[in-house]
């Protein structure tokens, strides 16, 4: 069993554009977070879009916070160009992302937010449990579901 130590204040569920933008601002404020995404790769909803789909706004208007989308061959980026940008954005900011993993249930109990995930995602699963208020969380790779207890969490970010 492998163990990693980390402090986590926020769990972001999903790895699309909104998640990446949220992660960018959390990182700027030094708020610890983890992204749980059910996709095999970066790209969010763009992975399921038609190959012929394009943005209806130029790349300069479609950028995520902190990094302008690189110039593309045509004014309006294609599906694949957006996916490439999102992947490069993740790498640029080195976000901690677990994928693929399904979130099965979220339960608020005893002042904690428990996030259960990974029930059906193969052998590599995680169990995250806090030791005490303000202490780091312990990551354990196990053949069980994720049970993530987060001491502080954000329900909505404007």
N, C-alpha and C. Protein backbone atom coordinates (compact mmCIF):
# COMPACT_ATOMS: atom_id res chain seq x y z
N UNK A 1 0.84 -1.17 0.00
CA UNK A 1 0.00 0.00 0.00
C UNK A 1 0.89 1.24 0.00
N UNK A 2 0.69 2.14 -0.97
CA UNK A 2 1.46 3.37 -1.08
C UNK A 2 0.74 4.49 -0.34
N UNK A 3 1.48 5.31 0.39
CA UNK A 3 0.87 6.45 1.08
C UNK A 3 1.54 7.73 0.64
N UNK A 4 0.72 8.75 0.43
CA UNK A 4 1.21 10.09 0.12
C UNK A 4 0.57 11.05 1.10
N UNK A 5 1.30 12.05 1.53
CA UNK A 5 0.73 13.06 2.44
C UNK A 5 0.41 14.32 1.64
N UNK A 6 -0.75 14.90 1.90
CA UNK A 6 -1.14 16.15 1.25
C UNK A 6 -2.22 16.83 2.07
N UNK A 7 -2.29 18.14 1.97
CA UNK A 7 -3.39 18.89 2.56
C UNK A 7 -4.38 19.19 1.47
N UNK A 8 -5.66 18.95 1.71
CA UNK A 8 -6.68 19.22 0.71
C UNK A 8 -7.81 19.99 1.36
N UNK A 9 -8.11 21.15 0.80
CA UNK A 9 -9.22 21.96 1.27
C UNK A 9 -10.44 21.84 0.37
N UNK A 10 -10.22 21.59 -0.93
CA UNK A 10 -11.30 21.59 -1.91
C UNK A 10 -11.19 20.38 -2.81
N UNK A 11 -12.32 19.74 -3.07
CA UNK A 11 -12.41 18.67 -4.06
C UNK A 11 -13.19 19.23 -5.24
N UNK A 12 -12.60 19.17 -6.42
CA UNK A 12 -13.28 19.60 -7.65
C UNK A 12 -13.70 18.34 -8.38
N UNK A 13 -14.99 18.22 -8.65
CA UNK A 13 -15.50 17.04 -9.33
C UNK A 13 -15.72 17.39 -10.79
N UNK A 14 -15.02 16.69 -11.67
CA UNK A 14 -15.06 16.96 -13.09
C UNK A 14 -13.80 17.68 -13.50
N UNK A 15 -13.36 17.45 -14.74
CA UNK A 15 -12.10 18.03 -15.20
C UNK A 15 -12.25 18.91 -16.42
N UNK A 16 -13.41 19.50 -16.62
CA UNK A 16 -13.64 20.36 -17.78
C UNK A 16 -13.12 21.77 -17.58
N UNK A 17 -13.57 22.67 -18.46
CA UNK A 17 -13.08 24.04 -18.46
C UNK A 17 -13.34 24.76 -17.15
N UNK A 18 -14.54 24.62 -16.60
CA UNK A 18 -14.86 25.30 -15.34
C UNK A 18 -13.99 24.78 -14.21
N UNK A 19 -13.74 23.48 -14.20
CA UNK A 19 -12.89 22.88 -13.17
C UNK A 19 -11.47 23.42 -13.26
N UNK A 20 -10.95 23.52 -14.47
CA UNK A 20 -9.57 23.99 -14.65
C UNK A 20 -9.44 25.46 -14.26
N UNK A 21 -10.43 26.26 -14.61
CA UNK A 21 -10.41 27.67 -14.23
C UNK A 21 -10.49 27.82 -12.72
N UNK A 22 -11.34 27.03 -12.08
CA UNK A 22 -11.45 27.04 -10.62
C UNK A 22 -10.12 26.63 -10.00
N UNK A 23 -9.51 25.59 -10.53
CA UNK A 23 -8.22 25.11 -10.03
C UNK A 23 -7.15 26.20 -10.14
N UNK A 24 -7.17 26.93 -11.23
CA UNK A 24 -6.20 28.01 -11.43
C UNK A 24 -6.28 29.02 -10.28
N UNK A 25 -7.50 29.46 -9.94
CA UNK A 25 -7.65 30.47 -8.89
C UNK A 25 -7.37 29.90 -7.50
N UNK A 26 -7.72 28.65 -7.27
CA UNK A 26 -7.38 28.02 -5.99
C UNK A 26 -5.87 27.96 -5.82
N UNK A 27 -5.18 27.59 -6.90
CA UNK A 27 -3.72 27.49 -6.84
C UNK A 27 -3.09 28.87 -6.57
N UNK A 28 -3.64 29.90 -7.19
CA UNK A 28 -3.13 31.26 -6.98
C UNK A 28 -3.27 31.70 -5.52
N UNK A 29 -4.33 31.23 -4.87
CA UNK A 29 -4.59 31.58 -3.47
C UNK A 29 -3.97 30.57 -2.50
N UNK A 30 -3.21 29.62 -3.03
CA UNK A 30 -2.58 28.58 -2.21
C UNK A 30 -3.59 27.78 -1.39
N UNK A 31 -4.75 27.52 -1.99
CA UNK A 31 -5.76 26.67 -1.38
C UNK A 31 -5.57 25.28 -1.98
N UNK A 32 -5.37 24.30 -1.14
CA UNK A 32 -5.10 22.95 -1.65
C UNK A 32 -6.37 22.33 -2.23
N UNK A 33 -6.19 21.56 -3.29
CA UNK A 33 -7.33 20.95 -3.98
C UNK A 33 -6.89 19.72 -4.73
N UNK A 34 -7.88 18.95 -5.13
CA UNK A 34 -7.66 17.80 -6.00
C UNK A 34 -8.82 17.77 -6.98
N UNK A 35 -8.56 17.35 -8.21
CA UNK A 35 -9.60 17.22 -9.23
C UNK A 35 -9.86 15.73 -9.45
N UNK A 36 -11.13 15.34 -9.37
CA UNK A 36 -11.55 13.97 -9.66
C UNK A 36 -12.32 14.02 -10.98
N UNK A 37 -11.84 13.31 -11.99
CA UNK A 37 -12.44 13.37 -13.32
C UNK A 37 -12.72 11.96 -13.82
N UNK A 38 -13.88 11.77 -14.44
CA UNK A 38 -14.24 10.43 -14.91
C UNK A 38 -13.77 10.13 -16.33
N UNK A 39 -13.09 11.06 -16.96
CA UNK A 39 -12.59 10.84 -18.32
C UNK A 39 -11.19 10.21 -18.29
N UNK A 40 -10.82 9.58 -19.40
CA UNK A 40 -9.48 8.99 -19.52
C UNK A 40 -8.41 10.04 -19.76
N UNK A 41 -8.80 11.19 -20.29
CA UNK A 41 -7.85 12.24 -20.64
C UNK A 41 -8.50 13.59 -20.42
N UNK A 42 -7.73 14.64 -20.57
CA UNK A 42 -8.28 15.99 -20.43
C UNK A 42 -9.15 16.33 -21.64
N UNK A 43 -10.03 17.30 -21.44
CA UNK A 43 -10.89 17.74 -22.54
C UNK A 43 -12.32 17.97 -22.14
N UNK A 44 -12.74 17.44 -21.00
CA UNK A 44 -14.11 17.66 -20.54
C UNK A 44 -15.14 17.25 -21.57
N UNK A 45 -16.17 18.06 -21.73
CA UNK A 45 -17.27 17.77 -22.66
C UNK A 45 -16.81 17.78 -24.11
N UNK A 46 -15.69 18.42 -24.39
CA UNK A 46 -15.18 18.46 -25.76
C UNK A 46 -14.83 17.07 -26.27
N UNK A 47 -14.53 16.15 -25.39
CA UNK A 47 -14.20 14.78 -25.81
C UNK A 47 -15.38 14.09 -26.48
N UNK A 48 -16.60 14.53 -26.15
CA UNK A 48 -17.80 13.90 -26.69
C UNK A 48 -18.44 14.72 -27.80
N UNK A 49 -17.81 15.81 -28.17
CA UNK A 49 -18.35 16.69 -29.21
C UNK A 49 -18.02 16.14 -30.60
N UNK A 50 -18.82 16.55 -31.58
CA UNK A 50 -18.54 16.16 -32.96
C UNK A 50 -17.18 16.69 -33.37
N UNK A 51 -16.49 15.93 -34.19
CA UNK A 51 -15.16 16.35 -34.65
C UNK A 51 -15.21 17.64 -35.45
N UNK A 52 -16.34 17.91 -36.08
CA UNK A 52 -16.47 19.12 -36.90
C UNK A 52 -16.80 20.37 -36.07
N UNK A 53 -17.05 20.21 -34.77
CA UNK A 53 -17.44 21.34 -33.93
C UNK A 53 -16.29 22.33 -33.77
N UNK A 54 -16.64 23.61 -33.80
CA UNK A 54 -15.68 24.70 -33.58
C UNK A 54 -16.25 25.64 -32.52
N UNK A 55 -15.36 26.38 -31.89
CA UNK A 55 -15.81 27.45 -31.02
C UNK A 55 -16.47 28.52 -31.88
N UNK A 56 -17.45 29.22 -31.35
CA UNK A 56 -18.08 30.29 -32.11
C UNK A 56 -17.50 31.65 -31.75
N UNK A 57 -16.41 31.64 -31.00
CA UNK A 57 -15.69 32.87 -30.67
C UNK A 57 -14.20 32.64 -30.92
N UNK A 58 -13.46 33.70 -31.21
CA UNK A 58 -12.02 33.54 -31.47
C UNK A 58 -11.28 33.02 -30.25
N UNK A 59 -10.11 32.45 -30.48
CA UNK A 59 -9.32 31.87 -29.39
C UNK A 59 -8.99 32.89 -28.31
N UNK A 60 -8.79 34.15 -28.67
CA UNK A 60 -8.45 35.16 -27.66
C UNK A 60 -9.60 35.42 -26.70
N UNK A 61 -10.83 35.13 -27.10
CA UNK A 61 -11.99 35.32 -26.24
C UNK A 61 -12.37 34.03 -25.52
N UNK A 62 -11.74 32.94 -25.86
CA UNK A 62 -12.13 31.63 -25.33
C UNK A 62 -11.08 31.03 -24.40
N UNK A 63 -10.17 31.84 -23.96
CA UNK A 63 -9.07 31.35 -23.12
C UNK A 63 -9.52 31.16 -21.68
N UNK A 64 -8.84 30.26 -21.00
CA UNK A 64 -9.03 30.10 -19.56
C UNK A 64 -8.15 31.12 -18.84
N UNK A 65 -8.45 31.34 -17.60
CA UNK A 65 -7.71 32.30 -16.79
C UNK A 65 -6.23 31.96 -16.75
N UNK A 66 -5.41 32.99 -16.91
CA UNK A 66 -3.98 32.83 -16.74
C UNK A 66 -3.18 32.49 -17.98
N UNK A 67 -3.82 32.03 -19.04
CA UNK A 67 -3.07 31.64 -20.23
C UNK A 67 -3.95 31.75 -21.47
N UNK A 68 -3.58 32.63 -22.37
CA UNK A 68 -4.35 32.82 -23.60
C UNK A 68 -4.20 31.60 -24.49
N UNK A 69 -5.32 31.17 -25.05
CA UNK A 69 -5.30 30.04 -25.97
C UNK A 69 -4.39 30.38 -27.15
N UNK A 70 -3.45 29.51 -27.49
CA UNK A 70 -2.55 29.79 -28.61
C UNK A 70 -3.31 30.02 -29.91
N UNK A 71 -2.71 30.80 -30.79
CA UNK A 71 -3.30 31.07 -32.10
C UNK A 71 -3.46 29.77 -32.86
N UNK A 72 -4.59 29.65 -33.53
CA UNK A 72 -4.87 28.46 -34.32
C UNK A 72 -4.85 28.82 -35.80
N UNK A 73 -4.89 27.80 -36.65
CA UNK A 73 -4.84 28.05 -38.10
C UNK A 73 -5.98 28.95 -38.56
N UNK A 74 -7.15 28.69 -38.01
CA UNK A 74 -8.31 29.50 -38.37
C UNK A 74 -8.75 30.31 -37.16
N UNK A 75 -9.60 31.28 -37.40
CA UNK A 75 -10.04 32.17 -36.33
C UNK A 75 -10.73 31.43 -35.19
N UNK A 76 -11.55 30.44 -35.55
CA UNK A 76 -12.34 29.72 -34.56
C UNK A 76 -11.74 28.34 -34.33
N UNK A 77 -11.23 28.07 -33.12
CA UNK A 77 -10.57 26.80 -32.84
C UNK A 77 -11.49 25.59 -33.03
N UNK A 78 -10.90 24.50 -33.49
CA UNK A 78 -11.63 23.25 -33.68
C UNK A 78 -11.73 22.51 -32.35
N UNK A 79 -12.52 21.47 -32.35
CA UNK A 79 -12.68 20.60 -31.19
C UNK A 79 -11.31 20.10 -30.72
N UNK A 80 -10.52 19.57 -31.64
CA UNK A 80 -9.22 19.00 -31.27
C UNK A 80 -8.26 20.06 -30.75
N UNK A 81 -8.33 21.27 -31.29
CA UNK A 81 -7.47 22.35 -30.80
C UNK A 81 -7.85 22.75 -29.38
N UNK A 82 -9.14 22.74 -29.08
CA UNK A 82 -9.58 23.05 -27.72
C UNK A 82 -9.11 21.97 -26.75
N UNK A 83 -9.25 20.71 -27.15
CA UNK A 83 -8.79 19.60 -26.30
C UNK A 83 -7.28 19.70 -26.05
N UNK A 84 -6.52 20.02 -27.09
CA UNK A 84 -5.07 20.18 -26.93
C UNK A 84 -4.75 21.31 -25.95
N UNK A 85 -5.49 22.41 -26.07
CA UNK A 85 -5.28 23.55 -25.17
C UNK A 85 -5.58 23.17 -23.72
N UNK A 86 -6.69 22.47 -23.50
CA UNK A 86 -7.05 22.07 -22.13
C UNK A 86 -6.01 21.13 -21.54
N UNK A 87 -5.50 20.22 -22.36
CA UNK A 87 -4.45 19.31 -21.90
C UNK A 87 -3.17 20.07 -21.55
N UNK A 88 -2.79 21.00 -22.42
CA UNK A 88 -1.59 21.80 -22.17
C UNK A 88 -1.77 22.69 -20.93
N UNK A 89 -2.99 23.18 -20.73
CA UNK A 89 -3.29 24.02 -19.56
C UNK A 89 -3.10 23.22 -18.27
N UNK A 90 -3.60 22.00 -18.24
CA UNK A 90 -3.41 21.12 -17.08
C UNK A 90 -1.93 20.92 -16.79
N UNK A 91 -1.16 20.66 -17.84
CA UNK A 91 0.27 20.41 -17.68
C UNK A 91 1.01 21.68 -17.26
N UNK A 92 0.62 22.80 -17.83
CA UNK A 92 1.27 24.08 -17.52
C UNK A 92 1.19 24.39 -16.03
N UNK A 93 0.02 24.17 -15.44
CA UNK A 93 -0.19 24.50 -14.03
C UNK A 93 -0.04 23.30 -13.10
N UNK A 94 0.26 22.15 -13.65
CA UNK A 94 0.55 20.94 -12.87
C UNK A 94 -0.52 20.66 -11.81
N UNK A 95 -1.77 20.64 -12.24
CA UNK A 95 -2.87 20.33 -11.34
C UNK A 95 -2.83 18.86 -10.95
N UNK A 96 -3.22 18.57 -9.72
CA UNK A 96 -3.31 17.18 -9.26
C UNK A 96 -4.68 16.66 -9.66
N UNK A 97 -4.68 15.74 -10.64
CA UNK A 97 -5.92 15.20 -11.19
C UNK A 97 -5.87 13.69 -11.11
N UNK A 98 -6.96 13.11 -10.60
CA UNK A 98 -7.09 11.65 -10.60
C UNK A 98 -8.10 11.30 -11.67
N UNK A 99 -7.68 10.47 -12.62
CA UNK A 99 -8.59 10.01 -13.67
C UNK A 99 -8.14 8.67 -14.20
N UNK A 100 -9.03 7.88 -14.68
CA UNK A 100 -10.48 8.08 -14.61
C UNK A 100 -11.00 7.59 -13.26
N UNK A 101 -11.89 8.35 -12.69
CA UNK A 101 -12.51 7.94 -11.43
C UNK A 101 -13.92 8.52 -11.37
N UNK A 102 -14.86 7.69 -10.99
CA UNK A 102 -16.27 8.10 -10.87
C UNK A 102 -16.56 8.49 -9.43
N UNK A 103 -17.23 9.60 -9.23
CA UNK A 103 -17.72 9.96 -7.90
C UNK A 103 -19.06 9.28 -7.72
N UNK A 104 -19.15 8.46 -6.69
CA UNK A 104 -20.35 7.66 -6.47
C UNK A 104 -21.35 8.35 -5.55
N UNK A 105 -20.84 9.07 -4.56
CA UNK A 105 -21.75 9.66 -3.57
C UNK A 105 -21.02 10.75 -2.80
N UNK A 106 -21.77 11.78 -2.40
CA UNK A 106 -21.25 12.83 -1.52
C UNK A 106 -22.19 12.92 -0.33
N UNK A 107 -21.61 12.85 0.86
CA UNK A 107 -22.43 12.86 2.08
C UNK A 107 -21.84 13.88 3.05
N UNK A 108 -22.69 14.74 3.60
CA UNK A 108 -22.24 15.65 4.64
C UNK A 108 -22.59 15.02 5.99
N UNK A 109 -21.56 14.85 6.82
CA UNK A 109 -21.76 14.15 8.08
C UNK A 109 -20.73 14.62 9.10
N UNK A 110 -21.18 14.94 10.29
CA UNK A 110 -20.30 15.32 11.40
C UNK A 110 -19.34 16.45 11.02
N UNK A 111 -19.81 17.43 10.27
CA UNK A 111 -18.96 18.55 9.90
C UNK A 111 -17.98 18.26 8.78
N UNK A 112 -18.08 17.10 8.19
CA UNK A 112 -17.21 16.72 7.09
C UNK A 112 -18.03 16.58 5.81
N UNK A 113 -17.36 16.68 4.70
CA UNK A 113 -17.95 16.34 3.42
C UNK A 113 -17.24 15.08 2.95
N UNK A 114 -17.95 13.97 2.90
CA UNK A 114 -17.38 12.70 2.46
C UNK A 114 -17.67 12.52 0.98
N UNK A 115 -16.63 12.30 0.20
CA UNK A 115 -16.77 12.05 -1.23
C UNK A 115 -16.37 10.60 -1.47
N UNK A 116 -17.31 9.80 -1.91
CA UNK A 116 -17.05 8.39 -2.20
C UNK A 116 -16.90 8.24 -3.71
N UNK A 117 -15.80 7.64 -4.12
CA UNK A 117 -15.54 7.52 -5.56
C UNK A 117 -14.71 6.29 -5.85
N UNK A 118 -14.74 5.87 -7.11
CA UNK A 118 -13.87 4.81 -7.56
C UNK A 118 -14.37 3.42 -7.36
N UNK A 119 -15.66 3.27 -7.11
CA UNK A 119 -16.19 1.94 -6.85
C UNK A 119 -15.96 0.99 -8.03
N UNK A 120 -16.04 1.50 -9.24
CA UNK A 120 -15.97 0.63 -10.42
C UNK A 120 -14.86 1.05 -11.39
N UNK A 121 -13.73 1.51 -10.90
CA UNK A 121 -12.71 2.02 -11.80
C UNK A 121 -11.44 1.18 -11.84
N UNK A 122 -11.52 -0.09 -11.54
CA UNK A 122 -10.33 -0.93 -11.61
C UNK A 122 -9.68 -1.11 -10.26
N UNK A 123 -8.44 -1.54 -10.25
CA UNK A 123 -7.79 -1.89 -8.99
C UNK A 123 -7.23 -0.70 -8.23
N UNK A 124 -6.85 0.36 -8.92
CA UNK A 124 -6.21 1.46 -8.21
C UNK A 124 -7.28 2.41 -7.68
N UNK A 125 -7.46 2.39 -6.39
CA UNK A 125 -8.45 3.22 -5.73
C UNK A 125 -7.74 4.04 -4.66
N UNK A 126 -8.45 4.99 -4.12
CA UNK A 126 -7.87 5.84 -3.10
C UNK A 126 -8.75 5.88 -1.87
N UNK A 127 -8.14 6.00 -0.73
CA UNK A 127 -8.86 6.27 0.51
C UNK A 127 -8.18 7.47 1.15
N UNK A 128 -8.90 8.57 1.32
CA UNK A 128 -8.34 9.78 1.89
C UNK A 128 -9.04 10.05 3.21
N UNK A 129 -8.29 10.14 4.28
CA UNK A 129 -8.88 10.32 5.61
C UNK A 129 -8.06 11.36 6.38
N UNK A 130 -8.71 12.38 6.96
CA UNK A 130 -7.95 13.36 7.75
C UNK A 130 -7.59 12.78 9.11
N UNK A 131 -6.45 13.19 9.63
CA UNK A 131 -6.04 12.71 10.95
C UNK A 131 -6.66 13.55 12.05
N UNK A 132 -6.71 14.86 11.88
CA UNK A 132 -7.36 15.76 12.84
C UNK A 132 -7.52 17.11 12.17
N UNK A 133 -8.25 18.02 12.80
CA UNK A 133 -8.48 19.34 12.21
C UNK A 133 -7.14 20.02 11.91
N UNK A 134 -6.98 20.47 10.69
CA UNK A 134 -5.75 21.15 10.31
C UNK A 134 -4.61 20.22 9.93
N UNK A 135 -4.78 18.94 10.14
CA UNK A 135 -3.72 17.98 9.80
C UNK A 135 -3.83 17.60 8.33
N UNK A 136 -2.80 17.00 7.83
CA UNK A 136 -2.82 16.58 6.43
C UNK A 136 -3.72 15.37 6.25
N UNK A 137 -4.13 15.16 5.02
CA UNK A 137 -4.91 13.97 4.69
C UNK A 137 -3.94 12.88 4.27
N UNK A 138 -4.31 11.65 4.50
CA UNK A 138 -3.48 10.52 4.11
C UNK A 138 -4.09 9.87 2.88
N UNK A 139 -3.31 9.74 1.83
CA UNK A 139 -3.75 9.08 0.61
C UNK A 139 -3.25 7.64 0.68
N UNK A 140 -4.12 6.69 0.52
CA UNK A 140 -3.72 5.30 0.51
C UNK A 140 -4.29 4.65 -0.74
N UNK A 141 -3.44 4.04 -1.55
CA UNK A 141 -3.91 3.29 -2.70
C UNK A 141 -4.41 1.95 -2.20
N UNK A 142 -5.69 1.69 -2.42
CA UNK A 142 -6.30 0.48 -1.88
C UNK A 142 -7.28 -0.08 -2.89
N UNK A 143 -7.72 -1.29 -2.66
CA UNK A 143 -8.76 -1.88 -3.49
C UNK A 143 -10.11 -1.64 -2.82
N UNK A 144 -10.41 -0.37 -2.59
CA UNK A 144 -11.69 0.04 -2.00
C UNK A 144 -12.11 1.33 -2.67
N UNK A 145 -13.26 1.85 -2.29
CA UNK A 145 -13.71 3.11 -2.85
C UNK A 145 -12.97 4.27 -2.20
N UNK A 146 -13.10 5.44 -2.80
CA UNK A 146 -12.56 6.64 -2.16
C UNK A 146 -13.49 7.03 -1.03
N UNK A 147 -12.95 7.34 0.09
CA UNK A 147 -13.70 8.00 1.15
C UNK A 147 -12.90 9.24 1.49
N UNK A 148 -13.35 10.37 1.06
CA UNK A 148 -12.59 11.60 1.23
C UNK A 148 -13.30 12.49 2.22
N UNK A 149 -12.68 12.78 3.33
CA UNK A 149 -13.25 13.69 4.30
C UNK A 149 -12.48 15.00 4.21
N UNK A 150 -13.17 16.04 3.84
CA UNK A 150 -12.55 17.35 3.65
C UNK A 150 -12.99 18.26 4.79
N UNK A 151 -12.03 18.90 5.43
CA UNK A 151 -12.36 19.75 6.57
C UNK A 151 -13.00 21.05 6.14
N UNK A 152 -12.51 21.65 5.10
CA UNK A 152 -13.07 22.89 4.58
C UNK A 152 -13.43 22.66 3.12
N UNK A 153 -14.55 23.17 2.70
CA UNK A 153 -14.90 23.01 1.30
C UNK A 153 -15.67 24.21 0.80
N UNK A 154 -15.64 24.41 -0.50
CA UNK A 154 -16.33 25.51 -1.15
C UNK A 154 -17.48 24.92 -1.95
N UNK A 155 -18.69 25.42 -1.70
CA UNK A 155 -19.83 24.90 -2.43
C UNK A 155 -19.99 25.57 -3.78
N UNK A 156 -19.62 26.84 -3.88
CA UNK A 156 -19.79 27.57 -5.13
C UNK A 156 -18.74 28.65 -5.21
N UNK A 157 -18.11 28.79 -6.34
CA UNK A 157 -17.11 29.84 -6.54
C UNK A 157 -17.63 30.75 -7.63
N UNK A 158 -17.69 32.03 -7.36
CA UNK A 158 -18.19 33.00 -8.35
C UNK A 158 -17.07 33.36 -9.29
